[in-house]
Amino acid sequence: MTYGQEIKNARKKFTTLTQNDLAFRLGITQGLLSLYESDKQEPPQEIKEILQRMLGVAPHYTSKKYNDQQQKVIAEFAKLIEAINSEKDIPKIEVKVIYN
């Protein structure tokens, strides 16, 4: 079972929390939690530690695609993009992060 699957299973099995509820308690967006649960993004270590305390999901120490600082930057961009209301004629934003 992947780490994301463990998060989702523990959330559903041991709590009545929805993704929105858990995301609020973690201080992240529901969309970001969805990325964690679907293994499309790995949570930073501090979120893993909170999940361990809240749900009993042990952190996986795997090779990461991004370090914790990069994860924080990506999370902030995700929050910004989710905050944009496309119905108000706000131009779309495309973000490209390049690491040297």
N, C-alpha and C. Protein backbone atom coordinates (compact mmCIF):
# COMPACT_ATOMS: atom_id res chain seq x y z
N MET A 1 0.85 -1.17 0.00
CA MET A 1 0.00 0.00 0.00
C MET A 1 0.90 1.24 0.00
N THR A 2 0.53 2.22 -0.80
CA THR A 2 1.32 3.45 -0.87
C THR A 2 1.02 4.34 0.33
N TYR A 3 1.88 5.34 0.52
CA TYR A 3 1.69 6.26 1.64
C TYR A 3 0.36 7.02 1.49
N GLY A 4 0.07 7.46 0.30
CA GLY A 4 -1.19 8.17 0.05
C GLY A 4 -2.41 7.31 0.36
N GLN A 5 -2.35 6.04 -0.03
CA GLN A 5 -3.45 5.12 0.27
C GLN A 5 -3.59 4.92 1.77
N GLU A 6 -2.46 4.87 2.48
CA GLU A 6 -2.51 4.72 3.94
C GLU A 6 -3.19 5.92 4.59
N ILE A 7 -2.88 7.12 4.11
CA ILE A 7 -3.52 8.33 4.63
C ILE A 7 -5.03 8.25 4.44
N LYS A 8 -5.43 7.97 3.20
CA LYS A 8 -6.86 7.92 2.87
C LYS A 8 -7.56 6.84 3.68
N ASN A 9 -6.99 5.64 3.74
CA ASN A 9 -7.62 4.55 4.48
C ASN A 9 -7.76 4.88 5.96
N ALA A 10 -6.72 5.44 6.56
CA ALA A 10 -6.77 5.78 7.99
C ALA A 10 -7.80 6.87 8.24
N ARG A 11 -7.87 7.86 7.35
CA ARG A 11 -8.85 8.94 7.50
C ARG A 11 -10.26 8.38 7.49
N LYS A 12 -10.53 7.45 6.59
CA LYS A 12 -11.87 6.90 6.46
C LYS A 12 -12.18 5.85 7.53
N LYS A 13 -11.18 5.07 7.92
CA LYS A 13 -11.40 3.97 8.86
C LYS A 13 -11.48 4.43 10.31
N PHE A 14 -10.62 5.37 10.68
CA PHE A 14 -10.50 5.74 12.09
C PHE A 14 -11.13 7.07 12.46
N THR A 15 -11.59 7.82 11.47
CA THR A 15 -12.22 9.11 11.77
C THR A 15 -13.45 9.29 10.89
N THR A 16 -14.19 10.35 11.17
CA THR A 16 -15.31 10.73 10.31
C THR A 16 -14.94 11.98 9.51
N LEU A 17 -13.64 12.28 9.47
CA LEU A 17 -13.17 13.48 8.78
C LEU A 17 -13.28 13.35 7.27
N THR A 18 -13.78 14.39 6.64
CA THR A 18 -13.74 14.47 5.18
C THR A 18 -12.37 15.02 4.79
N GLN A 19 -12.09 15.03 3.51
CA GLN A 19 -10.84 15.66 3.05
C GLN A 19 -10.80 17.12 3.47
N ASN A 20 -11.94 17.82 3.34
CA ASN A 20 -11.98 19.23 3.74
C ASN A 20 -11.66 19.39 5.22
N ASP A 21 -12.24 18.54 6.07
CA ASP A 21 -12.01 18.63 7.51
C ASP A 21 -10.53 18.41 7.84
N LEU A 22 -9.96 17.35 7.30
CA LEU A 22 -8.56 17.04 7.60
C LEU A 22 -7.63 18.12 7.05
N ALA A 23 -7.92 18.57 5.84
CA ALA A 23 -7.09 19.63 5.24
C ALA A 23 -7.11 20.88 6.12
N PHE A 24 -8.28 21.24 6.62
CA PHE A 24 -8.40 22.41 7.49
C PHE A 24 -7.54 22.23 8.74
N ARG A 25 -7.59 21.06 9.33
CA ARG A 25 -6.80 20.79 10.54
C ARG A 25 -5.29 20.79 10.26
N LEU A 26 -4.93 20.43 9.04
CA LEU A 26 -3.51 20.43 8.65
C LEU A 26 -3.03 21.81 8.20
N GLY A 27 -3.98 22.72 7.94
CA GLY A 27 -3.62 24.05 7.45
C GLY A 27 -3.27 24.06 5.98
N ILE A 28 -3.86 23.13 5.22
CA ILE A 28 -3.62 23.05 3.78
C ILE A 28 -4.96 23.04 3.07
N THR A 29 -4.94 23.07 1.76
CA THR A 29 -6.18 23.02 1.00
C THR A 29 -6.62 21.57 0.79
N GLN A 30 -7.90 21.42 0.50
CA GLN A 30 -8.44 20.08 0.20
C GLN A 30 -7.76 19.52 -1.04
N GLY A 31 -7.49 20.39 -2.01
CA GLY A 31 -6.84 19.94 -3.25
C GLY A 31 -5.46 19.38 -3.00
N LEU A 32 -4.72 20.01 -2.08
CA LEU A 32 -3.39 19.52 -1.75
C LEU A 32 -3.47 18.18 -1.03
N LEU A 33 -4.42 18.04 -0.11
CA LEU A 33 -4.60 16.76 0.57
C LEU A 33 -4.96 15.67 -0.44
N SER A 34 -5.77 16.01 -1.41
CA SER A 34 -6.13 15.06 -2.46
C SER A 34 -4.89 14.60 -3.23
N LEU A 35 -3.96 15.53 -3.48
CA LEU A 35 -2.71 15.17 -4.15
C LEU A 35 -1.90 14.20 -3.29
N TYR A 36 -1.89 14.43 -1.98
CA TYR A 36 -1.18 13.52 -1.08
C TYR A 36 -1.81 12.13 -1.10
N GLU A 37 -3.15 12.09 -0.99
CA GLU A 37 -3.85 10.80 -0.93
C GLU A 37 -3.76 10.02 -2.24
N SER A 38 -3.59 10.72 -3.35
CA SER A 38 -3.48 10.03 -4.64
C SER A 38 -2.03 9.83 -5.06
N ASP A 39 -1.10 10.12 -4.15
CA ASP A 39 0.34 9.94 -4.39
C ASP A 39 0.87 10.77 -5.56
N LYS A 40 0.22 11.88 -5.84
CA LYS A 40 0.70 12.76 -6.90
C LYS A 40 1.69 13.78 -6.36
N GLN A 41 1.70 13.94 -5.03
CA GLN A 41 2.67 14.81 -4.38
C GLN A 41 2.95 14.24 -3.00
N GLU A 42 4.20 14.32 -2.60
CA GLU A 42 4.58 13.81 -1.29
C GLU A 42 4.52 14.93 -0.27
N PRO A 43 3.88 14.70 0.87
CA PRO A 43 3.81 15.76 1.88
C PRO A 43 5.18 16.05 2.49
N PRO A 44 5.38 17.30 2.93
CA PRO A 44 6.63 17.60 3.63
C PRO A 44 6.67 16.86 4.97
N GLN A 45 7.84 16.75 5.54
CA GLN A 45 8.04 15.98 6.76
C GLN A 45 7.13 16.46 7.90
N GLU A 46 6.96 17.77 8.04
CA GLU A 46 6.13 18.27 9.14
C GLU A 46 4.67 17.80 9.02
N ILE A 47 4.15 17.73 7.81
CA ILE A 47 2.78 17.23 7.60
C ILE A 47 2.74 15.73 7.90
N LYS A 48 3.78 15.01 7.49
CA LYS A 48 3.84 13.57 7.79
C LYS A 48 3.80 13.32 9.29
N GLU A 49 4.50 14.15 10.05
CA GLU A 49 4.52 13.98 11.50
C GLU A 49 3.16 14.27 12.12
N ILE A 50 2.46 15.28 11.59
CA ILE A 50 1.11 15.58 12.08
C ILE A 50 0.17 14.44 11.74
N LEU A 51 0.28 13.91 10.53
CA LEU A 51 -0.58 12.79 10.13
C LEU A 51 -0.33 11.57 11.02
N GLN A 52 0.91 11.39 11.42
CA GLN A 52 1.22 10.26 12.30
C GLN A 52 0.52 10.44 13.65
N ARG A 53 0.56 11.67 14.18
CA ARG A 53 -0.10 11.93 15.46
C ARG A 53 -1.62 11.83 15.34
N MET A 54 -2.18 12.36 14.25
CA MET A 54 -3.63 12.41 14.10
C MET A 54 -4.24 11.07 13.69
N LEU A 55 -3.58 10.39 12.75
CA LEU A 55 -4.17 9.19 12.16
C LEU A 55 -3.39 7.91 12.43
N GLY A 56 -2.21 8.03 12.98
CA GLY A 56 -1.39 6.85 13.22
C GLY A 56 -0.70 6.34 11.97
N VAL A 57 -0.61 7.18 10.95
CA VAL A 57 0.05 6.80 9.70
C VAL A 57 1.53 7.12 9.82
N ALA A 58 2.36 6.09 9.85
CA ALA A 58 3.81 6.30 10.01
C ALA A 58 4.38 6.96 8.76
N PRO A 59 5.27 7.94 8.98
CA PRO A 59 5.90 8.59 7.81
C PRO A 59 6.74 7.60 7.03
N HIS A 60 6.69 7.72 5.74
CA HIS A 60 7.55 6.92 4.86
C HIS A 60 8.77 7.76 4.55
N TYR A 61 9.90 7.18 4.72
CA TYR A 61 11.13 7.89 4.40
C TYR A 61 11.62 7.39 3.04
N THR A 62 11.10 8.02 2.00
CA THR A 62 11.43 7.60 0.65
C THR A 62 12.25 8.70 -0.02
N SER A 63 12.84 8.36 -1.14
CA SER A 63 13.53 9.40 -1.89
C SER A 63 12.47 10.35 -2.41
N LYS A 64 12.70 11.61 -2.20
CA LYS A 64 11.71 12.61 -2.56
C LYS A 64 12.05 13.23 -3.91
N LYS A 65 11.02 13.58 -4.64
CA LYS A 65 11.22 14.31 -5.87
C LYS A 65 11.60 15.76 -5.54
N TYR A 66 11.02 16.29 -4.46
CA TYR A 66 11.28 17.66 -4.04
C TYR A 66 11.65 17.67 -2.56
N ASN A 67 12.51 18.60 -2.16
CA ASN A 67 12.83 18.72 -0.74
C ASN A 67 11.71 19.50 -0.05
N ASP A 68 11.77 19.60 1.28
CA ASP A 68 10.69 20.24 2.04
C ASP A 68 10.47 21.69 1.64
N GLN A 69 11.54 22.43 1.39
CA GLN A 69 11.38 23.84 1.00
C GLN A 69 10.67 23.93 -0.36
N GLN A 70 11.04 23.08 -1.28
CA GLN A 70 10.38 23.07 -2.59
C GLN A 70 8.91 22.68 -2.43
N GLN A 71 8.63 21.72 -1.54
CA GLN A 71 7.24 21.32 -1.29
C GLN A 71 6.43 22.51 -0.78
N LYS A 72 7.02 23.32 0.11
CA LYS A 72 6.31 24.48 0.65
C LYS A 72 6.00 25.48 -0.45
N VAL A 73 6.95 25.71 -1.35
CA VAL A 73 6.72 26.63 -2.46
C VAL A 73 5.60 26.10 -3.36
N ILE A 74 5.63 24.83 -3.66
CA ILE A 74 4.59 24.21 -4.50
C ILE A 74 3.24 24.32 -3.82
N ALA A 75 3.19 24.08 -2.51
CA ALA A 75 1.93 24.17 -1.76
C ALA A 75 1.37 25.59 -1.81
N GLU A 76 2.24 26.60 -1.69
CA GLU A 76 1.78 27.98 -1.74
C GLU A 76 1.23 28.31 -3.14
N PHE A 77 1.89 27.83 -4.18
CA PHE A 77 1.37 28.04 -5.53
C PHE A 77 0.02 27.36 -5.70
N ALA A 78 -0.12 26.16 -5.16
CA ALA A 78 -1.40 25.44 -5.26
C ALA A 78 -2.50 26.23 -4.57
N LYS A 79 -2.22 26.81 -3.39
CA LYS A 79 -3.21 27.62 -2.68
C LYS A 79 -3.59 28.84 -3.51
N LEU A 80 -2.59 29.49 -4.10
CA LEU A 80 -2.83 30.68 -4.92
C LEU A 80 -3.71 30.34 -6.11
N ILE A 81 -3.39 29.26 -6.79
CA ILE A 81 -4.14 28.87 -7.98
C ILE A 81 -5.57 28.50 -7.61
N GLU A 82 -5.77 27.80 -6.48
CA GLU A 82 -7.12 27.44 -6.05
C GLU A 82 -7.93 28.67 -5.67
N ALA A 83 -7.26 29.73 -5.20
CA ALA A 83 -7.95 30.93 -4.76
C ALA A 83 -8.47 31.76 -5.94
N ILE A 84 -7.94 31.53 -7.10
CA ILE A 84 -8.36 32.30 -8.27
C ILE A 84 -9.73 31.83 -8.73
N ASN A 85 -10.64 32.76 -8.86
CA ASN A 85 -11.99 32.43 -9.31
C ASN A 85 -12.07 32.69 -10.81
N SER A 86 -12.15 31.63 -11.58
CA SER A 86 -12.11 31.75 -13.05
C SER A 86 -13.34 32.44 -13.61
N GLU A 87 -14.40 32.62 -12.82
CA GLU A 87 -15.61 33.26 -13.31
C GLU A 87 -15.52 34.78 -13.31
N LYS A 88 -14.45 35.34 -12.80
CA LYS A 88 -14.33 36.78 -12.68
C LYS A 88 -13.36 37.38 -13.69
N ASP A 89 -13.18 36.73 -14.81
CA ASP A 89 -12.32 37.22 -15.88
C ASP A 89 -10.89 37.51 -15.41
N ILE A 90 -10.41 36.72 -14.49
CA ILE A 90 -9.03 36.85 -14.05
C ILE A 90 -8.18 36.01 -15.00
N PRO A 91 -7.10 36.59 -15.51
CA PRO A 91 -6.28 35.81 -16.44
C PRO A 91 -5.71 34.56 -15.77
N LYS A 92 -5.58 33.53 -16.55
CA LYS A 92 -4.99 32.29 -16.04
C LYS A 92 -3.50 32.49 -15.82
N ILE A 93 -3.01 31.81 -14.80
CA ILE A 93 -1.59 31.91 -14.45
C ILE A 93 -0.92 30.57 -14.71
N GLU A 94 0.17 30.63 -15.41
CA GLU A 94 0.97 29.41 -15.62
C GLU A 94 2.28 29.61 -14.90
N VAL A 95 2.61 28.66 -14.04
CA VAL A 95 3.83 28.76 -13.25
C VAL A 95 4.77 27.65 -13.67
N LYS A 96 6.01 28.02 -13.92
CA LYS A 96 7.02 27.04 -14.27
C LYS A 96 8.19 27.24 -13.32
N VAL A 97 8.53 26.21 -12.58
CA VAL A 97 9.63 26.27 -11.64
C VAL A 97 10.79 25.50 -12.23
N ILE A 98 11.94 26.15 -12.32
CA ILE A 98 13.12 25.52 -12.90
C ILE A 98 14.22 25.50 -11.84
N TYR A 99 14.75 24.33 -11.57
CA TYR A 99 15.84 24.17 -10.62
C TYR A 99 17.13 23.91 -11.39
N ASN A 100 18.15 24.62 -11.01
CA ASN A 100 19.46 24.42 -11.66
C ASN A 100 20.32 23.53 -10.86
